[in-house]
C-alpha atoms as a PDB file:
ATOM      1  CA  MET A   1     136.244 166.613 101.195  1.00  0.00           C
ATOM      2  CA  LYS A   2     139.807 166.933  99.899  1.00  0.00           C
ATOM      3  CA  ARG A   3     139.410 170.653  99.653  1.00  0.00           C
ATOM      4  CA  THR A   4     138.402 170.687 103.554  1.00  0.00           C
ATOM      5  CA  CYS A   5     141.301 168.524 104.467  1.00  0.00           C
ATOM      6  CA  CYS A   6     143.751 170.745 102.633  1.00  0.00           C
ATOM      7  CA  LEU A   7     142.160 173.813 104.217  1.00  0.00           C
ATOM      8  CA  LEU A   8     142.485 172.251 107.698  1.00  0.00           C
ATOM      9  CA  LEU A   9     146.053 171.287 106.908  1.00  0.00           C
ATOM     10  CA  LEU A  10     146.983 174.800 105.791  1.00  0.00           C
ATOM     11  CA  LEU A  11     145.254 176.378 108.865  1.00  0.00           C
ATOM     12  CA  VAL A  12     147.273 173.970 111.182  1.00  0.00           C
ATOM     13  CA  CYS A  13     150.633 174.751 109.437  1.00  0.00           C
ATOM     14  CA  ALA A  14     149.943 178.759 109.559  1.00  0.00           C
ATOM     15  CA  CYS A  15     149.118 178.445 113.450  1.00  0.00           C
ATOM     16  CA  SER A  16     152.285 176.317 114.047  1.00  0.00           C
ATOM     17  CA  ALA A  17     154.308 178.900 112.112  1.00  0.00           C
ATOM     18  CA  THR A  18     152.832 181.798 114.068  1.00  0.00           C
ATOM     19  CA  VAL A  19     153.360 180.181 117.566  1.00  0.00           C
ATOM     20  CA  ALA A  20     157.011 179.094 116.430  1.00  0.00           C
ATOM     21  CA  GLN A  21     157.894 182.852 115.562  1.00  0.00           C
ATOM     22  CA  LYS A  22     156.354 184.001 118.793  1.00  0.00           C
ATOM     23  CA  THR A  23     158.338 181.589 120.935  1.00  0.00           C
ATOM     24  CA  ALA A  24     161.667 181.888 119.021  1.00  0.00           C
ATOM     25  CA  GLY A  25     162.488 185.330 119.775  1.00  0.00           C
ATOM     26  CA  LYS A  26     161.729 184.983 123.657  1.00  0.00           C
ATOM     27  CA  MET A  27     164.878 185.430 125.745  1.00  0.00           C
ATOM     28  CA  PRO A  28     165.359 184.193 129.215  1.00  0.00           C
ATOM     29  CA  ALA A  29     164.468 186.781 131.851  1.00  0.00           C
ATOM     30  CA  ASN A  30     167.978 186.368 133.113  1.00  0.00           C
ATOM     31  CA  ALA A  31     169.621 186.456 129.775  1.00  0.00           C
ATOM     32  CA  GLU A  32     172.891 188.545 130.931  1.00  0.00           C
ATOM     33  CA  LYS A  33     173.362 186.451 134.089  1.00  0.00           C
ATOM     34  CA  THR A  34     172.914 183.152 131.683  1.00  0.00           C
ATOM     35  CA  LYS A  35     175.596 184.708 129.307  1.00  0.00           C
ATOM     36  CA  ALA A  36     178.068 185.453 132.237  1.00  0.00           C
ATOM     37  CA  GLU A  37     177.545 181.867 133.535  1.00  0.00           C
ATOM     38  CA  LEU A  38     178.268 180.455 130.137  1.00  0.00           C
ATOM     39  CA  ILE A  39     181.352 182.563 129.695  1.00  0.00           C
ATOM     40  CA  GLN A  40     182.693 181.323 133.167  1.00  0.00           C
ATOM     41  CA  LEU A  41     181.797 177.710 132.162  1.00  0.00           C
ATOM     42  CA  ASP A  42     183.748 178.021 128.956  1.00  0.00           C
ATOM     43  CA  ARG A  43     186.782 179.613 130.948  1.00  0.00           C
ATOM     44  CA  ASP A  44     186.611 176.723 133.355  1.00  0.00           C
ATOM     45  CA  TRP A  45     186.690 174.417 130.258  1.00  0.00           C
ATOM     46  CA  GLY A  46     189.739 176.088 129.146  1.00  0.00           C
ATOM     47  CA  ALA A  47     191.339 175.633 132.470  1.00  0.00           C
ATOM     48  CA  ALA A  48     190.364 171.983 132.848  1.00  0.00           C
ATOM     49  CA  THR A  49     192.142 171.054 129.589  1.00  0.00           C
ATOM     50  CA  VAL A  50     195.415 172.812 130.969  1.00  0.00           C
ATOM     51  CA  THR A  51     195.036 170.926 134.359  1.00  0.00           C
ATOM     52  CA  ASN A  52     193.890 167.643 132.544  1.00  0.00           C
ATOM     53  CA  ASP A  53     190.682 167.817 134.684  1.00  0.00           C
ATOM     54  CA  LEU A  54     188.945 164.676 132.786  1.00  0.00           C
ATOM     55  CA  ASP A  55     186.212 164.720 135.152  1.00  0.00           C
ATOM     56  CA  PHE A  56     185.077 168.191 134.475  1.00  0.00           C
ATOM     57  CA  VAL A  57     185.554 167.743 130.777  1.00  0.00           C
ATOM     58  CA  LYS A  58     183.395 164.575 130.764  1.00  0.00           C
ATOM     59  CA  SER A  59     180.731 166.343 132.627  1.00  0.00           C
ATOM     60  CA  LEU A  60     180.670 169.255 130.387  1.00  0.00           C
ATOM     61  CA  VAL A  61     180.961 167.616 126.926  1.00  0.00           C
ATOM     62  CA  ALA A  62     177.694 165.736 125.816  1.00  0.00           C
ATOM     63  CA  ASP A  63     178.433 162.006 125.020  1.00  0.00           C
ATOM     64  CA  ASP A  64     177.217 162.821 121.434  1.00  0.00           C
ATOM     65  CA  CYS A  65     179.246 165.825 120.860  1.00  0.00           C
ATOM     66  CA  LEU A  66     181.205 166.344 117.774  1.00  0.00           C
ATOM     67  CA  PHE A  67     184.448 168.548 117.379  1.00  0.00           C
ATOM     68  CA  THR A  68     185.664 169.913 114.092  1.00  0.00           C
ATOM     69  CA  GLU A  69     189.163 170.715 114.441  1.00  0.00           C
ATOM     70  CA  ALA A  70     191.054 173.391 112.726  1.00  0.00           C
ATOM     71  CA  ASP A  71     192.557 170.824 110.331  1.00  0.00           C
ATOM     72  CA  GLY A  72     188.914 169.876 109.325  1.00  0.00           C
ATOM     73  CA  MET A  73     189.217 166.306 111.161  1.00  0.00           C
ATOM     74  CA  VAL A  74     186.134 165.438 113.192  1.00  0.00           C
ATOM     75  CA  ALA A  75     186.450 163.775 116.628  1.00  0.00           C
ATOM     76  CA  THR A  76     184.070 162.396 119.036  1.00  0.00           C
ATOM     77  CA  LYS A  77     183.998 162.909 122.823  1.00  0.00           C
ATOM     78  CA  ALA A  78     185.445 159.348 123.272  1.00  0.00           C
ATOM     79  CA  GLU A  79     188.299 160.299 120.955  1.00  0.00           C
ATOM     80  CA  MET A  80     189.060 163.654 122.671  1.00  0.00           C
ATOM     81  CA  ILE A  81     188.919 162.095 126.017  1.00  0.00           C
ATOM     82  CA  LYS A  82     191.267 159.202 125.062  1.00  0.00           C
ATOM     83  CA  ASP A  83     193.797 161.761 123.767  1.00  0.00           C
ATOM     84  CA  MET A  84     193.686 163.647 126.727  1.00  0.00           C
ATOM     85  CA  GLU A  85     194.265 160.409 128.915  1.00  0.00           C
ATOM     86  CA  SER A  86     196.933 159.261 126.926  1.00  0.00           C
ATOM     87  CA  GLY A  87     198.931 162.503 126.644  1.00  0.00           C
ATOM     88  CA  LYS A  88     198.395 162.782 122.941  1.00  0.00           C
ATOM     89  CA  SER A  89     196.699 166.028 123.424  1.00  0.00           C
ATOM     90  CA  LYS A  90     198.459 168.342 125.851  1.00  0.00           C
ATOM     91  CA  THR A  91     197.463 171.955 126.619  1.00  0.00           C
ATOM     92  CA  ALA A  92     199.861 174.260 128.538  1.00  0.00           C
ATOM     93  CA  SER A  93     197.876 177.463 128.254  1.00  0.00           C
ATOM     94  CA  ASN A  94     194.459 178.901 127.162  1.00  0.00           C
ATOM     95  CA  GLN A  95     193.769 182.733 126.966  1.00  0.00           C
ATOM     96  CA  PRO A  96     190.335 183.222 125.989  1.00  0.00           C
ATOM     97  CA  THR A  97     189.140 186.593 124.455  1.00  0.00           C
ATOM     98  CA  GLU A  98     186.355 188.446 122.748  1.00  0.00           C
ATOM     99  CA  TYR A  99     183.516 186.376 123.926  1.00  0.00           C
ATOM    100  CA  ASN A 100     179.909 186.733 122.054  1.00  0.00           C
ATOM    101  CA  VAL A 101     177.269 184.634 123.472  1.00  0.00           C
ATOM    102  CA  ARG A 102     173.684 184.227 121.833  1.00  0.00           C
ATOM    103  CA  LEU A 103     170.897 182.474 123.580  1.00  0.00           C
ATOM    104  CA  TYR A 104     168.117 180.827 121.473  1.00  0.00           C
ATOM    105  CA  GLY A 105     165.519 180.368 124.308  1.00  0.00           C
ATOM    106  CA  PRO A 106     166.251 179.415 127.772  1.00  0.00           C
ATOM    107  CA  ASP A 107     167.900 175.980 126.804  1.00  0.00           C
ATOM    108  CA  MET A 108     170.161 176.632 123.803  1.00  0.00           C
ATOM    109  CA  ALA A 109     173.178 178.932 123.505  1.00  0.00           C
ATOM    110  CA  VAL A 110     176.031 179.364 121.106  1.00  0.00           C
ATOM    111  CA  ILE A 111     179.428 180.753 122.173  1.00  0.00           C
ATOM    112  CA  ARG A 112     182.023 182.389 119.845  1.00  0.00           C
ATOM    113  CA  HIS A 113     185.345 183.512 121.043  1.00  0.00           C
ATOM    114  CA  ASN A 114     189.020 183.788 120.182  1.00  0.00           C
ATOM    115  CA  ILE A 115     191.598 181.654 122.152  1.00  0.00           C
ATOM    116  CA  THR A 116     195.417 181.798 122.227  1.00  0.00           C
ATOM    117  CA  THR A 117     196.593 178.375 123.417  1.00  0.00           C
ATOM    118  CA  THR A 118     199.789 176.590 123.617  1.00  0.00           C
ATOM    119  CA  GLY A 119     200.057 172.996 123.234  1.00  0.00           C
ATOM    120  CA  THR A 120     200.717 169.826 121.283  1.00  0.00           C
ATOM    121  CA  GLU A 121     198.831 167.292 119.290  1.00  0.00           C
ATOM    122  CA  ASN A 122     200.645 164.074 118.540  1.00  0.00           C
ATOM    123  CA  GLY A 123     203.770 165.673 119.595  1.00  0.00           C
ATOM    124  CA  LYS A 124     203.483 168.688 117.082  1.00  0.00           C
ATOM    125  CA  ASP A 125     203.283 172.247 118.300  1.00  0.00           C
ATOM    126  CA  VAL A 126     199.781 173.406 117.716  1.00  0.00           C
ATOM    127  CA  SER A 127     200.191 176.711 119.470  1.00  0.00           C
ATOM    128  CA  GLY A 128     198.562 179.843 118.218  1.00  0.00           C
ATOM    129  CA  GLU A 129     195.279 181.857 118.016  1.00  0.00           C
ATOM    130  CA  TYR A 130     191.979 180.261 117.083  1.00  0.00           C
ATOM    131  CA  ARG A 131     188.409 181.316 116.670  1.00  0.00           C
ATOM    132  CA  ARG A 132     186.123 178.699 118.486  1.00  0.00           C
ATOM    133  CA  MET A 133     182.364 178.287 118.412  1.00  0.00           C
ATOM    134  CA  HIS A 134     180.332 175.923 120.753  1.00  0.00           C
ATOM    135  CA  VAL A 135     176.813 175.218 120.839  1.00  0.00           C
ATOM    136  CA  LEU A 136     175.429 174.371 124.483  1.00  0.00           C
ATOM    137  CA  VAL A 137     172.084 172.937 125.462  1.00  0.00           C
ATOM    138  CA  ARG A 138     170.441 172.519 128.840  1.00  0.00           C
ATOM    139  CA  ARG A 139     169.865 168.815 129.388  1.00  0.00           C
ATOM    140  CA  GLU A 140     168.503 167.730 132.834  1.00  0.00           C
ATOM    141  CA  GLY A 141     168.990 171.300 134.258  1.00  0.00           C
ATOM    142  CA  ARG A 142     172.755 171.890 133.314  1.00  0.00           C
ATOM    143  CA  TRP A 143     174.569 172.988 130.274  1.00  0.00           C
ATOM    144  CA  VAL A 144     176.343 170.667 128.181  1.00  0.00           C
ATOM    145  CA  VAL A 145     178.397 171.097 124.958  1.00  0.00           C
ATOM    146  CA  VAL A 146     176.697 169.245 121.904  1.00  0.00           C
ATOM    147  CA  ASP A 147     179.070 170.721 119.107  1.00  0.00           C
ATOM    148  CA  SER A 148     182.270 172.638 118.910  1.00  0.00           C
ATOM    149  CA  GLN A 149     184.520 174.039 115.983  1.00  0.00           C
ATOM    150  CA  SER A 150     187.811 175.366 116.053  1.00  0.00           C
ATOM    151  CA  VAL A 151     189.428 177.502 113.183  1.00  0.00           C
ATOM    152  CA  ARG A 152     193.065 178.624 113.098  1.00  0.00           C
ATOM    153  CA  VAL A 153     193.398 182.486 112.681  1.00  0.00           C
ATOM    154  CA  GLY A 154     196.480 184.474 111.576  1.00  0.00           C
ATOM    155  CA  PRO A 155     198.430 184.710 108.478  1.00  0.00           C
ATOM    156  CA  VAL A 156     196.915 183.197 105.640  1.00  0.00           C
ATOM    157  CA  ALA A 157     199.178 181.436 103.048  1.00  0.00           C
ATOM    158  CA  VAL A 158     198.233 182.169  99.579  1.00  0.00           C
ATOM    159  CA  ALA A 159     198.074 179.125  97.119  1.00  0.00           C
ATOM    160  CA  THR A 160     200.002 179.574  93.768  1.00  0.00           C
ATOM    161  CA  LYS A 161     199.340 177.771  90.501  1.00  0.00           C
END
């Protein structure tokens, strides 16, 4: 009996793995169109931070989204919106470049790009070039950002002993 149960469990696992492998590599039929739409969505997000369009940002960013900032701090959507509303976070310009979009089926995407930005956080100048990565999922028929990370790029300070 134990042998039969073990064999049956092994068979179910093998079938599940085979199905997962077959569906993981499938791209949406309109992959290039979807990539272009996601790039435009990201550009619109950048423009919305410059104009402080909180309605757009609130609709694009999922309530459970986390932002890992260039300084390593992690912020929630609520914290990001509060900083924009209060003027603690101000963006004067955004110039994104070098987009790379990867689709993982019809409902998940990762966007990577560089961005040159001008702005302040807590009154401190944070202008510069950053590399950003956003994870988006399609929920209820629309794309939302569920995770975002920003890394500052440029000259690297070398630590000395």
